[in-house]
Amino acid sequence: NGQPGCIRYCSGFSIPVAGGCGSAGQVASWSKERLTAVDHARRVLSYEMVDCNIGFKSTVEIVPDGTGCVIEWGFSVDTVESWTLDDLVKKYELVLVSAARKMEDSVGSVE
């Protein structure tokens, strides 16, 4: 419903979880994310992962900076078997660049 406290469920194969029968013998990674704050006037949105099977906790906040917005994203993650820190950084760098492009395209199409 878009109100703080609501929880959404996300799943996929972007972070491997060993021991399953999915893609390359892995189970889907999943998370439950709680919307913690919404301020439409200030364009601020925060959420946190409250449960997951990958040891990943995250908070994202979109903060106005005077000329636009800054996305502040913080996370902690448990060790993922066979992944290095570089693997994790590369994975999320690709995800964030893709998300930024989609936002830029969306804003450009509104103007």
Protein backbone atom coordinates (compact mmCIF):
# COMPACT_ATOMS: atom_id res chain seq x y z
CA ASN A 1 0.00 0.00 0.00
CA GLY A 2 3.05 2.27 -0.02
CA GLN A 3 2.75 3.07 3.67
CA PRO A 4 5.64 2.70 6.14
CA GLY A 5 5.57 -0.74 7.69
CA CYS A 6 4.40 -2.58 4.58
CA ILE A 7 6.61 -5.51 3.56
CA ARG A 8 7.39 -6.80 0.09
CA TYR A 9 8.90 -10.11 -0.90
CA CYS A 10 11.67 -10.27 -3.55
CA SER A 11 13.38 -13.31 -5.00
CA GLY A 12 15.77 -14.20 -7.78
CA PHE A 13 19.08 -15.76 -8.67
CA SER A 14 21.29 -12.64 -8.60
CA ILE A 15 23.12 -13.77 -5.45
CA PRO A 16 23.78 -17.52 -5.39
CA VAL A 17 22.56 -19.66 -2.52
CA ALA A 18 24.17 -23.09 -2.69
CA GLY A 19 22.41 -26.42 -2.28
CA GLY A 20 19.26 -26.07 -4.36
CA CYS A 21 17.87 -27.15 -7.68
CA GLY A 22 17.56 -23.76 -9.41
CA SER A 23 19.97 -22.06 -11.77
CA ALA A 24 23.32 -23.91 -11.72
CA GLY A 25 22.21 -26.03 -8.74
CA GLN A 26 21.24 -23.07 -6.57
CA VAL A 27 18.06 -22.04 -4.81
CA ALA A 28 16.58 -18.61 -5.36
CA SER A 29 17.82 -15.91 -3.03
CA TRP A 30 14.97 -14.06 -1.32
CA SER A 31 14.36 -11.16 0.98
CA LYS A 32 11.53 -9.45 2.81
CA GLU A 33 11.87 -5.68 2.71
CA ARG A 34 10.05 -3.26 5.01
CA LEU A 35 9.25 0.26 3.90
CA THR A 36 10.43 2.41 6.82
CA ALA A 37 9.74 5.97 5.63
CA VAL A 38 8.10 7.82 2.76
CA ASP A 39 8.06 11.59 2.34
CA HIS A 40 6.69 12.45 -1.10
CA ALA A 41 7.25 16.18 -0.69
CA ARG A 42 10.94 15.70 0.11
CA ARG A 43 11.27 12.65 -2.19
CA VAL A 44 12.65 10.49 0.58
CA LEU A 45 12.10 6.74 0.72
CA SER A 46 13.75 4.30 3.09
CA TYR A 47 13.50 0.55 3.37
CA GLU A 48 15.33 -2.23 5.09
CA MET A 49 15.66 -5.95 4.57
CA VAL A 50 14.11 -7.60 7.59
CA ASP A 51 14.65 -11.23 6.61
CA CYS A 52 16.53 -13.06 3.88
CA ASN A 53 18.34 -16.27 3.04
CA ILE A 54 21.55 -14.59 1.91
CA GLY A 55 22.72 -12.73 5.01
CA PHE A 56 22.17 -9.36 3.38
CA LYS A 57 20.79 -6.30 5.18
CA SER A 58 20.26 -3.00 3.38
CA THR A 59 18.85 0.49 3.79
CA VAL A 60 18.28 2.87 0.88
CA GLU A 61 17.39 6.51 1.20
CA ILE A 62 16.82 9.00 -1.60
CA VAL A 63 17.88 12.40 -0.27
CA PRO A 64 17.43 15.76 -2.03
CA ASP A 65 20.73 17.62 -2.36
CA GLY A 66 19.53 21.01 -3.60
CA THR A 67 19.93 20.38 -7.34
CA GLY A 68 18.61 16.82 -7.52
CA CYS A 69 18.88 13.74 -5.39
CA VAL A 70 21.54 11.53 -3.89
CA ILE A 71 20.85 7.86 -3.32
CA GLU A 72 22.39 6.74 -0.06
CA TRP A 73 22.63 2.96 0.07
CA GLY A 74 24.20 1.11 2.93
CA PHE A 75 24.42 -2.62 3.36
CA SER A 76 26.10 -5.43 5.18
CA VAL A 77 26.39 -8.95 3.88
CA ASP A 78 27.49 -12.25 5.34
CA THR A 79 30.14 -14.20 3.47
CA VAL A 80 28.78 -15.85 0.31
CA GLU A 81 30.59 -19.11 -0.39
CA SER A 82 32.95 -18.86 -3.41
CA TRP A 83 32.47 -15.06 -3.72
CA THR A 84 35.21 -12.52 -3.11
CA LEU A 85 34.65 -8.90 -2.09
CA ASP A 86 35.55 -7.90 -5.66
CA ASP A 87 32.81 -10.22 -6.99
CA LEU A 88 30.25 -8.58 -4.73
CA VAL A 89 31.37 -5.05 -5.62
CA LYS A 90 31.25 -5.82 -9.37
CA LYS A 91 27.80 -7.37 -9.05
CA TYR A 92 26.28 -4.40 -7.26
CA GLU A 93 28.12 -1.87 -9.38
CA LEU A 94 26.35 -3.33 -12.44
CA VAL A 95 23.00 -3.33 -10.63
CA LEU A 96 23.39 0.27 -9.44
CA VAL A 97 24.52 1.57 -12.85
CA SER A 98 21.51 -0.13 -14.45
CA ALA A 99 19.14 1.32 -11.83
CA ALA A 100 20.62 4.81 -12.28
CA ARG A 101 20.15 4.62 -16.05
CA LYS A 102 16.53 3.56 -15.65
CA MET A 103 15.91 6.49 -13.28
CA GLU A 104 17.60 8.93 -15.66
CA ASP A 105 15.56 7.59 -18.60
CA SER A 106 12.37 7.84 -16.56
CA VAL A 107 13.06 11.43 -15.51
CA GLY A 108 14.01 12.35 -19.07
CA SER A 109 10.74 10.97 -20.42
CA VAL A 110 8.70 13.02 -17.92
CA GLU A 111 10.24 16.37 -18.83
